[in-house]
Structures are given as structure tokens and as C-alpha cells.
């Protein structure tokens, strides 16, 4: 067997270490993201009734971006302690209506020549 060039072996060794480091960083980022998501879900579970959580889950399936916006607002309400009891399905629907009102205010007009 031919001897391997020491420079080539060193390059391979450094590249392998770099790849392993990148994988470790990626795993840590994914774990941190999972922890953040579990904290979000715990907060939402604490402030929403079962029916409201079910509605939020359905919204998340249909419109994920919209659901994230709603979740952020709910979490903000919880963090500022503006929620005294659990939010019911009816209250969640009212929040949804308020959100849709603000989003539908944008108007597109066409000027024909």
C-alpha cells in the first residue's frame, strides 16, 4: 500500500473536524428551536381552553403564518399578564376577527386610462 501524503491526511483531518463541528452547531440550533417551541406550546396550553387550542391547531394547518402571528399575540398577552382566565373559543374568535379586520384594510385600486 502506498503511503498517504501527510499534507493530504492533515487536510482530510481538518475537513472532517469542520464537518463534525458544523453538524454539532446545527444540532444545537435544532435543539434550541425545539425548546423554544415547547415553551411556546406550554404558554399557549396554560392560557387557552381545549376548544381554543383545537381551533388554533386547525388555523395552523390552514394558514401557518397567520397562526404564528396569532400565537405571538397570545403569548405577548400572557407575558404582559393581560390574561386573567383561560381564553375561550369565543374570545379567540373575537381576536381572530380583530386580526382579520386589520389585515383587510389594505385596498388595491386600479386606475384605467
N, C-alpha and C. Protein backbone atom coordinates (compact mmCIF):
# COMPACT_ATOMS: atom_id res chain seq x y z
N UNK A 1 0.82 -1.17 0.00
CA UNK A 1 0.00 0.00 0.00
C UNK A 1 0.88 1.24 0.00
N UNK A 2 0.53 2.20 -0.79
CA UNK A 2 1.31 3.43 -0.89
C UNK A 2 1.04 4.30 0.33
N UNK A 3 2.10 4.96 0.78
CA UNK A 3 1.94 5.85 1.93
C UNK A 3 1.17 7.09 1.51
N UNK A 4 0.31 7.55 2.41
CA UNK A 4 -0.51 8.73 2.13
C UNK A 4 0.31 9.99 2.40
N UNK A 5 0.10 10.97 1.59
CA UNK A 5 0.78 12.24 1.74
C UNK A 5 0.36 12.87 3.08
N UNK A 6 1.31 13.31 3.92
CA UNK A 6 0.95 13.88 5.22
C UNK A 6 0.09 15.14 5.11
N UNK A 7 0.34 15.94 4.09
CA UNK A 7 -0.48 17.15 3.89
C UNK A 7 -1.92 16.78 3.58
N UNK A 8 -2.10 15.80 2.72
CA UNK A 8 -3.44 15.35 2.35
C UNK A 8 -4.16 14.77 3.57
N UNK A 9 -3.46 14.01 4.37
CA UNK A 9 -4.06 13.45 5.58
C UNK A 9 -4.46 14.56 6.54
N UNK A 10 -3.65 15.58 6.67
CA UNK A 10 -3.96 16.71 7.55
C UNK A 10 -5.18 17.48 7.04
N UNK A 11 -5.24 17.68 5.72
CA UNK A 11 -6.40 18.35 5.12
C UNK A 11 -7.68 17.56 5.37
N UNK A 12 -7.60 16.27 5.18
CA UNK A 12 -8.78 15.42 5.42
C UNK A 12 -9.21 15.49 6.88
N UNK A 13 -8.22 15.46 7.76
CA UNK A 13 -8.50 15.51 9.18
C UNK A 13 -9.18 16.84 9.55
N UNK A 14 -8.67 17.95 9.02
CA UNK A 14 -9.27 19.26 9.30
C UNK A 14 -10.68 19.36 8.73
N UNK A 15 -10.85 18.85 7.51
CA UNK A 15 -12.18 18.90 6.87
C UNK A 15 -13.19 18.07 7.66
N UNK A 16 -12.77 16.89 8.12
CA UNK A 16 -13.66 16.05 8.93
C UNK A 16 -14.04 16.76 10.22
N UNK A 17 -13.07 17.42 10.86
CA UNK A 17 -13.35 18.17 12.10
C UNK A 17 -14.31 19.32 11.82
N UNK A 18 -14.14 19.99 10.68
CA UNK A 18 -15.03 21.09 10.32
C UNK A 18 -16.45 20.60 10.09
N UNK A 19 -16.60 19.49 9.40
CA UNK A 19 -17.93 18.92 9.14
C UNK A 19 -18.59 18.52 10.46
N UNK A 20 -17.83 17.88 11.33
CA UNK A 20 -18.39 17.47 12.62
C UNK A 20 -18.81 18.68 13.45
N UNK A 21 -18.02 19.74 13.40
CA UNK A 21 -18.35 20.96 14.13
C UNK A 21 -19.64 21.59 13.58
N UNK A 22 -19.77 21.62 12.26
CA UNK A 22 -20.98 22.17 11.64
C UNK A 22 -22.21 21.36 12.03
N UNK A 23 -22.07 20.04 12.07
CA UNK A 23 -23.19 19.19 12.47
C UNK A 23 -23.57 19.44 13.92
N UNK A 24 -22.57 19.62 14.77
CA UNK A 24 -22.83 19.89 16.18
C UNK A 24 -23.56 21.22 16.36
N UNK A 25 -23.13 22.24 15.63
CA UNK A 25 -23.79 23.55 15.70
C UNK A 25 -25.23 23.44 15.22
N UNK A 26 -25.43 22.69 14.14
CA UNK A 26 -26.79 22.53 13.60
C UNK A 26 -27.67 21.77 14.60
N UNK A 27 -27.15 20.75 15.23
CA UNK A 27 -27.93 20.00 16.21
C UNK A 27 -28.29 20.88 17.40
N UNK A 28 -27.35 21.71 17.84
CA UNK A 28 -27.63 22.61 18.95
C UNK A 28 -28.70 23.62 18.58
N UNK A 29 -28.65 24.13 17.36
CA UNK A 29 -29.67 25.09 16.91
C UNK A 29 -31.04 24.43 16.85
N UNK A 30 -31.08 23.20 16.36
CA UNK A 30 -32.36 22.48 16.29
C UNK A 30 -32.91 22.20 17.68
N UNK A 31 -32.04 21.83 18.61
CA UNK A 31 -32.46 21.57 19.98
C UNK A 31 -32.99 22.85 20.63
N UNK A 32 -32.31 23.96 20.39
CA UNK A 32 -32.77 25.24 20.93
C UNK A 32 -34.13 25.61 20.34
N UNK A 33 -34.32 25.36 19.05
CA UNK A 33 -35.60 25.64 18.40
C UNK A 33 -36.71 24.78 19.00
N UNK A 34 -36.40 23.51 19.27
CA UNK A 34 -37.39 22.61 19.88
C UNK A 34 -37.76 23.10 21.29
N UNK A 35 -36.77 23.56 22.04
CA UNK A 35 -37.05 24.06 23.39
C UNK A 35 -37.93 25.30 23.35
N UNK A 36 -37.64 26.19 22.42
CA UNK A 36 -38.44 27.41 22.28
C UNK A 36 -39.87 27.04 21.92
N UNK A 37 -40.03 26.11 20.99
CA UNK A 37 -41.37 25.69 20.57
C UNK A 37 -42.12 25.02 21.72
N UNK A 38 -41.43 24.21 22.51
CA UNK A 38 -42.10 23.56 23.63
C UNK A 38 -42.51 24.59 24.69
N UNK A 39 -41.69 25.64 24.89
CA UNK A 39 -42.07 26.70 25.81
C UNK A 39 -43.29 27.46 25.30
N UNK A 40 -43.31 27.73 23.98
CA UNK A 40 -44.46 28.41 23.37
C UNK A 40 -45.73 27.59 23.59
N UNK A 41 -45.63 26.29 23.34
CA UNK A 41 -46.80 25.43 23.48
C UNK A 41 -47.25 25.35 24.94
N UNK A 42 -46.31 25.35 25.88
CA UNK A 42 -46.67 25.31 27.29
C UNK A 42 -47.41 26.59 27.69
N UNK A 43 -46.95 27.73 27.20
CA UNK A 43 -47.63 29.00 27.49
C UNK A 43 -49.03 28.98 26.90
N UNK A 44 -49.14 28.55 25.64
CA UNK A 44 -50.45 28.51 24.99
C UNK A 44 -51.38 27.54 25.70
N UNK A 45 -50.84 26.41 26.14
CA UNK A 45 -51.67 25.44 26.85
C UNK A 45 -52.18 26.03 28.16
N UNK A 46 -51.39 26.88 28.77
CA UNK A 46 -51.80 27.50 30.03
C UNK A 46 -52.84 28.59 29.88
N UNK A 47 -52.91 29.23 28.70
CA UNK A 47 -53.83 30.36 28.57
C UNK A 47 -55.04 30.07 27.68
N UNK A 48 -55.05 28.91 27.01
CA UNK A 48 -56.16 28.59 26.11
C UNK A 48 -56.95 27.39 26.63
N UNK A 49 -58.25 27.43 26.41
CA UNK A 49 -59.07 26.25 26.71
C UNK A 49 -58.80 25.20 25.63
N UNK A 50 -59.29 24.00 25.86
CA UNK A 50 -59.09 22.92 24.90
C UNK A 50 -59.68 23.26 23.53
N UNK A 51 -60.89 23.85 23.53
CA UNK A 51 -61.55 24.20 22.28
C UNK A 51 -60.76 25.27 21.53
N UNK A 52 -60.24 26.24 22.26
CA UNK A 52 -59.47 27.31 21.63
C UNK A 52 -58.16 26.76 21.06
N UNK A 53 -57.52 25.83 21.78
CA UNK A 53 -56.28 25.22 21.26
C UNK A 53 -56.57 24.40 20.01
N UNK A 54 -57.72 23.74 20.00
CA UNK A 54 -58.11 22.97 18.82
C UNK A 54 -58.33 23.90 17.62
N UNK A 55 -58.99 25.01 17.86
CA UNK A 55 -59.21 25.98 16.78
C UNK A 55 -57.87 26.52 16.27
N UNK A 56 -56.97 26.83 17.19
CA UNK A 56 -55.65 27.34 16.81
C UNK A 56 -54.88 26.29 15.99
N UNK A 57 -55.02 25.03 16.37
CA UNK A 57 -54.35 23.96 15.61
C UNK A 57 -54.92 23.86 14.20
N UNK A 58 -56.24 24.02 14.07
CA UNK A 58 -56.86 24.00 12.75
C UNK A 58 -56.39 25.17 11.89
N UNK A 59 -56.27 26.33 12.53
CA UNK A 59 -55.78 27.51 11.80
C UNK A 59 -54.34 27.29 11.36
N UNK A 60 -53.58 26.66 12.23
CA UNK A 60 -52.17 26.40 11.92
C UNK A 60 -52.03 25.48 10.71
N UNK A 61 -52.95 24.55 10.56
CA UNK A 61 -52.93 23.68 9.39
C UNK A 61 -53.30 24.42 8.12
N UNK A 62 -54.28 25.31 8.22
CA UNK A 62 -54.75 26.02 7.04
C UNK A 62 -53.86 27.21 6.67
N UNK A 63 -53.50 28.00 7.68
CA UNK A 63 -52.72 29.21 7.44
C UNK A 63 -51.62 29.32 8.50
N UNK A 64 -50.49 28.66 8.28
CA UNK A 64 -49.42 28.63 9.30
C UNK A 64 -48.89 30.02 9.68
N UNK A 65 -48.71 30.91 8.71
CA UNK A 65 -48.19 32.25 9.03
C UNK A 65 -49.17 33.03 9.90
N UNK A 66 -50.42 32.91 9.58
CA UNK A 66 -51.48 33.59 10.34
C UNK A 66 -51.52 33.05 11.77
N UNK A 67 -51.37 31.74 11.90
CA UNK A 67 -51.41 31.11 13.22
C UNK A 67 -50.22 31.55 14.07
N UNK A 68 -49.06 31.69 13.45
CA UNK A 68 -47.88 32.13 14.19
C UNK A 68 -48.07 33.56 14.70
N UNK A 69 -48.66 34.41 13.86
CA UNK A 69 -48.95 35.78 14.28
C UNK A 69 -49.90 35.77 15.47
N UNK A 70 -50.93 34.96 15.39
CA UNK A 70 -51.90 34.87 16.47
C UNK A 70 -51.25 34.31 17.74
N UNK A 71 -50.43 33.28 17.59
CA UNK A 71 -49.73 32.71 18.75
C UNK A 71 -48.84 33.76 19.41
N UNK A 72 -48.13 34.52 18.59
CA UNK A 72 -47.26 35.56 19.14
C UNK A 72 -48.05 36.58 19.94
N UNK A 73 -49.21 36.96 19.43
CA UNK A 73 -50.04 37.93 20.15
C UNK A 73 -50.55 37.33 21.46
N UNK A 74 -50.95 36.07 21.42
CA UNK A 74 -51.44 35.42 22.64
C UNK A 74 -50.33 35.31 23.69
N UNK A 75 -49.14 34.95 23.24
CA UNK A 75 -48.01 34.83 24.16
C UNK A 75 -47.66 36.19 24.75
N UNK A 76 -47.73 37.21 23.92
CA UNK A 76 -47.46 38.57 24.40
C UNK A 76 -48.49 38.97 25.46
N UNK A 77 -49.75 38.63 25.22
CA UNK A 77 -50.79 38.91 26.22
C UNK A 77 -50.48 38.20 27.54
N UNK A 78 -50.04 36.95 27.43
CA UNK A 78 -49.72 36.19 28.64
C UNK A 78 -48.52 36.76 29.37
N UNK A 79 -47.51 37.18 28.62
CA UNK A 79 -46.30 37.70 29.25
C UNK A 79 -46.53 39.06 29.91
N UNK A 80 -47.44 39.85 29.36
CA UNK A 80 -47.74 41.14 29.97
C UNK A 80 -48.84 41.02 31.02
N UNK A 81 -49.24 39.78 31.28
CA UNK A 81 -50.26 39.47 32.30
C UNK A 81 -51.59 40.16 32.04
N UNK A 82 -51.96 40.27 30.78
CA UNK A 82 -53.25 40.86 30.42
C UNK A 82 -54.33 39.79 30.30
N UNK A 83 -53.97 38.55 30.59
CA UNK A 83 -54.92 37.44 30.53
C UNK A 83 -55.15 36.96 31.96
N UNK A 84 -56.39 37.10 32.43
CA UNK A 84 -56.66 36.68 33.81
C UNK A 84 -57.12 35.22 33.86
N UNK A 85 -58.03 34.84 32.98
CA UNK A 85 -58.50 33.46 32.89
C UNK A 85 -58.05 32.87 31.57
N UNK A 86 -58.37 31.61 31.39
CA UNK A 86 -58.05 30.98 30.11
C UNK A 86 -58.92 31.60 29.01
N UNK A 87 -58.33 31.73 27.85
CA UNK A 87 -59.05 32.29 26.71
C UNK A 87 -59.93 31.22 26.11
N UNK A 88 -61.22 31.51 26.01
CA UNK A 88 -62.17 30.54 25.48
C UNK A 88 -62.18 30.60 23.95
N UNK A 89 -62.91 29.66 23.38
CA UNK A 89 -63.03 29.61 21.92
C UNK A 89 -63.69 30.89 21.39
N UNK A 90 -64.70 31.38 22.10
CA UNK A 90 -65.38 32.61 21.67
C UNK A 90 -64.43 33.81 21.72
N UNK A 91 -63.65 33.91 22.77
CA UNK A 91 -62.70 35.01 22.87
C UNK A 91 -61.64 34.92 21.78
N UNK A 92 -61.22 33.69 21.47
CA UNK A 92 -60.24 33.50 20.40
C UNK A 92 -60.83 33.93 19.06
N UNK A 93 -62.10 33.61 18.84
CA UNK A 93 -62.75 34.03 17.60
C UNK A 93 -62.81 35.55 17.51
N UNK A 94 -63.07 36.22 18.64
CA UNK A 94 -63.08 37.68 18.63
C UNK A 94 -61.70 38.24 18.28
N UNK A 95 -60.66 37.63 18.83
CA UNK A 95 -59.30 38.05 18.48
C UNK A 95 -59.04 37.84 16.99
N UNK A 96 -59.53 36.74 16.48
CA UNK A 96 -59.36 36.45 15.05
C UNK A 96 -60.07 37.50 14.20
N UNK A 97 -61.26 37.89 14.60
CA UNK A 97 -61.99 38.91 13.85
C UNK A 97 -61.24 40.23 13.88
N UNK A 98 -60.68 40.58 15.02
CA UNK A 98 -59.90 41.82 15.11
C UNK A 98 -58.68 41.75 14.22
N UNK A 99 -58.04 40.60 14.17
CA UNK A 99 -56.87 40.43 13.32
C UNK A 99 -57.23 40.54 11.85
N UNK A 100 -58.35 39.92 11.46
CA UNK A 100 -58.73 39.97 10.05
C UNK A 100 -59.17 41.36 9.64
N UNK A 101 -59.75 42.12 10.56
CA UNK A 101 -60.13 43.50 10.23
C UNK A 101 -58.90 44.32 9.90
N UNK A 102 -57.85 44.17 10.68
CA UNK A 102 -56.65 44.97 10.43
C UNK A 102 -55.95 44.52 9.16
N UNK A 103 -56.04 43.26 8.83
CA UNK A 103 -55.37 42.79 7.62
C UNK A 103 -56.16 43.14 6.36
N UNK A 104 -57.45 43.26 6.45
CA UNK A 104 -58.28 43.52 5.26
C UNK A 104 -58.40 45.01 4.94
N UNK A 105 -57.81 45.85 5.74
CA UNK A 105 -57.93 47.27 5.49
C UNK A 105 -57.14 47.72 4.27
N UNK A 106 -56.16 46.97 3.88
CA UNK A 106 -55.39 47.36 2.71
C UNK A 106 -56.28 47.27 1.48
N UNK A 107 -56.14 48.28 0.61
CA UNK A 107 -57.02 48.39 -0.53
C UNK A 107 -56.19 48.53 -1.79
N UNK A 108 -56.62 47.87 -2.83
CA UNK A 108 -55.95 47.98 -4.12
C UNK A 108 -56.93 48.64 -5.08
N UNK A 109 -56.51 49.72 -5.69
CA UNK A 109 -57.36 50.39 -6.66
C UNK A 109 -56.66 50.42 -8.00
N UNK A 110 -57.44 50.25 -9.05
CA UNK A 110 -56.92 50.26 -10.40
C UNK A 110 -57.40 51.52 -11.09
N UNK A 111 -56.51 52.23 -11.70
CA UNK A 111 -56.89 53.41 -12.47
C UNK A 111 -56.78 53.05 -13.94
N UNK A 112 -57.87 53.11 -14.59
CA UNK A 112 -57.88 52.78 -16.02
C UNK A 112 -57.68 54.05 -16.83
N UNK A 113 -56.94 53.91 -17.87
CA UNK A 113 -56.66 55.06 -18.74
C UNK A 113 -57.44 54.99 -20.00
